[in-house]
Amino acid sequence: MAARHYQDVNCDLLLTGGILHDIGKIYEFDFDRLVQYSDEGRLIGHIVIGVEMISAKIALIEDFPETLAMQLRHLVLSHHGTLEFGSPKRPKTPEALIVHHIDDMDAKVNAFRIFVDDAPEDDTNWTPYHKLLERFLYKGN
């Protein structure tokens, strides 16, 4: 929907980036008994791991367009949006910006839902104050 909404967005790049932006998480975490960070995850992180994985697969495809490869790697490198949130690069293409904002929105909506779902059952329509979000959240009916 975002690709159709904005003119001149590369839909294939946007979809591929949306699918692959967190691919490095499969090695960032160990899944033995508990889900916890792997050594590679703690030392390198899913963003760099993902770029390495994508670069390795691209290298196997004969005549893969270098500009497209660079744009896909940039999308993964920039999907957290800012340096303080872990992105080595800030989004510099429309596709990277869209993936960043959709990923960020998804994380925030899920955080809202979890906090509301975990709120105590009482006779109020409001959650306790959420320090990180700096607000009360409406629970509804």
Protein backbone atom coordinates (compact mmCIF):
# COMPACT_ATOMS: atom_id res chain seq x y z
CA MET A 1 0.00 0.00 0.00
CA ALA A 2 2.85 2.39 0.79
CA ALA A 3 4.48 1.70 -2.57
CA ARG A 4 1.25 2.55 -4.38
CA HIS A 5 0.76 5.67 -2.30
CA TYR A 6 4.13 7.23 -3.11
CA GLN A 7 5.13 7.79 -6.72
CA ASP A 8 8.46 6.45 -7.98
CA VAL A 9 8.99 4.03 -5.07
CA ASN A 10 10.62 0.78 -6.08
CA CYS A 11 7.96 -1.68 -4.91
CA ASP A 12 10.21 -4.74 -5.30
CA LEU A 13 12.96 -3.12 -3.22
CA LEU A 14 10.45 -1.97 -0.60
CA LEU A 15 8.91 -5.44 -0.25
CA THR A 16 12.29 -7.18 -0.23
CA GLY A 17 13.60 -4.77 2.40
CA GLY A 18 10.45 -5.18 4.45
CA ILE A 19 10.89 -8.94 4.44
CA LEU A 20 14.66 -9.00 5.00
CA HIS A 21 15.32 -6.03 7.32
CA ASP A 22 15.42 -8.25 10.44
CA ILE A 23 16.83 -11.43 8.82
CA GLY A 24 19.94 -11.19 11.01
CA LYS A 25 17.83 -11.89 14.09
CA ILE A 26 17.93 -15.60 13.29
CA TYR A 27 21.59 -15.50 14.37
CA GLU A 28 21.30 -12.67 16.88
CA PHE A 29 19.42 -14.96 19.25
CA ASP A 30 19.91 -18.46 20.62
CA PHE A 31 16.77 -20.55 20.90
CA ASP A 32 17.95 -23.55 22.94
CA ARG A 33 15.86 -23.49 26.11
CA LEU A 34 15.28 -19.77 26.47
CA VAL A 35 15.41 -17.05 23.88
CA GLN A 36 18.54 -15.06 24.63
CA TYR A 37 21.22 -13.15 22.74
CA SER A 38 23.92 -15.22 21.04
CA ASP A 39 27.56 -14.19 21.26
CA GLU A 40 27.32 -13.02 17.64
CA GLY A 41 24.19 -11.07 18.46
CA ARG A 42 25.83 -9.29 21.39
CA LEU A 43 29.08 -8.58 19.54
CA ILE A 44 27.83 -7.78 16.04
CA GLY A 45 24.02 -7.37 16.10
CA HIS A 46 21.24 -8.28 13.71
CA ILE A 47 21.70 -5.31 11.39
CA VAL A 48 25.29 -6.13 10.43
CA ILE A 49 24.60 -9.88 10.47
CA GLY A 50 21.69 -9.29 8.07
CA VAL A 51 23.78 -7.20 5.69
CA GLU A 52 26.44 -9.93 5.66
CA MET A 53 23.82 -12.60 4.92
CA ILE A 54 22.28 -10.56 2.10
CA SER A 55 25.68 -9.73 0.61
CA ALA A 56 26.64 -13.43 0.61
CA LYS A 57 23.45 -14.39 -1.25
CA ILE A 58 23.76 -11.52 -3.72
CA ALA A 59 27.31 -12.66 -4.52
CA LEU A 60 25.86 -15.96 -5.75
CA ILE A 61 23.58 -14.25 -8.29
CA GLU A 62 25.34 -13.56 -11.56
CA ASP A 63 25.10 -9.96 -12.79
CA PHE A 64 23.06 -8.77 -9.79
CA PRO A 65 22.84 -4.97 -10.21
CA GLU A 66 25.37 -3.36 -7.85
CA THR A 67 23.22 -0.27 -7.32
CA LEU A 68 20.26 -2.41 -6.29
CA ALA A 69 22.49 -4.44 -3.96
CA MET A 70 23.76 -1.24 -2.38
CA GLN A 71 20.22 0.11 -1.92
CA LEU A 72 19.07 -3.14 -0.29
CA ARG A 73 22.05 -3.16 2.07
CA HIS A 74 21.36 0.49 2.91
CA LEU A 75 17.74 -0.31 3.69
CA VAL A 76 18.79 -2.96 6.22
CA LEU A 77 21.54 -0.75 7.69
CA SER A 78 19.15 2.16 8.19
CA HIS A 79 15.92 0.48 9.32
CA HIS A 80 16.27 1.59 12.96
CA GLY A 81 16.27 5.17 11.69
CA THR A 82 18.92 6.90 13.79
CA LEU A 83 22.35 6.23 15.22
CA GLU A 84 21.07 6.33 18.80
CA PHE A 85 18.61 3.51 17.99
CA GLY A 86 21.33 1.32 16.49
CA SER A 87 21.30 2.15 12.79
CA PRO A 88 24.79 2.62 11.35
CA LYS A 89 23.15 4.86 8.73
CA ARG A 90 20.05 7.05 8.62
CA PRO A 91 17.51 6.35 5.81
CA LYS A 92 18.54 8.07 2.59
CA THR A 93 16.09 6.56 0.08
CA PRO A 94 12.30 6.64 0.06
CA GLU A 95 12.21 2.85 0.40
CA ALA A 96 14.51 2.90 3.44
CA LEU A 97 12.47 5.67 5.05
CA ILE A 98 9.20 3.77 4.51
CA VAL A 99 10.59 0.52 5.95
CA HIS A 100 11.96 2.39 8.96
CA HIS A 101 8.65 4.08 9.73
CA ILE A 102 6.55 0.95 9.22
CA ASP A 103 8.92 -1.07 11.42
CA ASP A 104 8.90 1.66 14.08
CA MET A 105 5.11 1.96 13.96
CA ASP A 106 4.72 -1.81 14.27
CA ALA A 107 6.96 -1.92 17.34
CA LYS A 108 5.11 0.97 19.00
CA VAL A 109 1.63 -0.39 18.30
CA ASN A 110 2.68 -3.78 19.70
CA ALA A 111 4.12 -2.08 22.81
CA PHE A 112 0.82 -0.25 23.29
CA ARG A 113 -1.17 -3.47 22.92
CA ILE A 114 1.03 -5.43 25.33
CA PHE A 115 0.90 -2.69 27.97
CA VAL A 116 -2.89 -2.40 27.68
CA ASP A 117 -3.32 -6.19 27.76
CA ASP A 118 -1.10 -6.45 30.85
CA ALA A 119 -2.81 -3.58 32.68
CA PRO A 120 -4.61 -4.47 35.90
CA GLU A 121 -8.30 -5.26 35.60
CA ASP A 122 -10.12 -2.49 37.44
CA ASP A 123 -13.02 -0.10 37.00
CA THR A 124 -11.03 2.48 35.07
CA ASN A 125 -10.55 2.80 31.32
CA TRP A 126 -6.89 3.74 31.76
CA THR A 127 -3.62 1.91 32.26
CA PRO A 128 -1.12 2.94 34.87
CA TYR A 129 1.31 5.64 33.72
CA HIS A 130 3.84 4.31 31.20
CA LYS A 131 7.21 5.93 31.96
CA LEU A 132 8.85 5.22 28.62
CA LEU A 133 5.87 6.45 26.59
CA GLU A 134 5.25 9.25 29.14
CA ARG A 135 1.48 8.81 29.17
CA PHE A 136 -1.50 6.84 30.36
CA LEU A 137 -3.07 4.58 27.71
CA TYR A 138 -6.78 4.18 27.09
CA LYS A 139 -7.95 0.61 27.66
CA GLY A 140 -11.42 1.10 26.24
CA ASN A 141 -14.36 -1.02 27.26
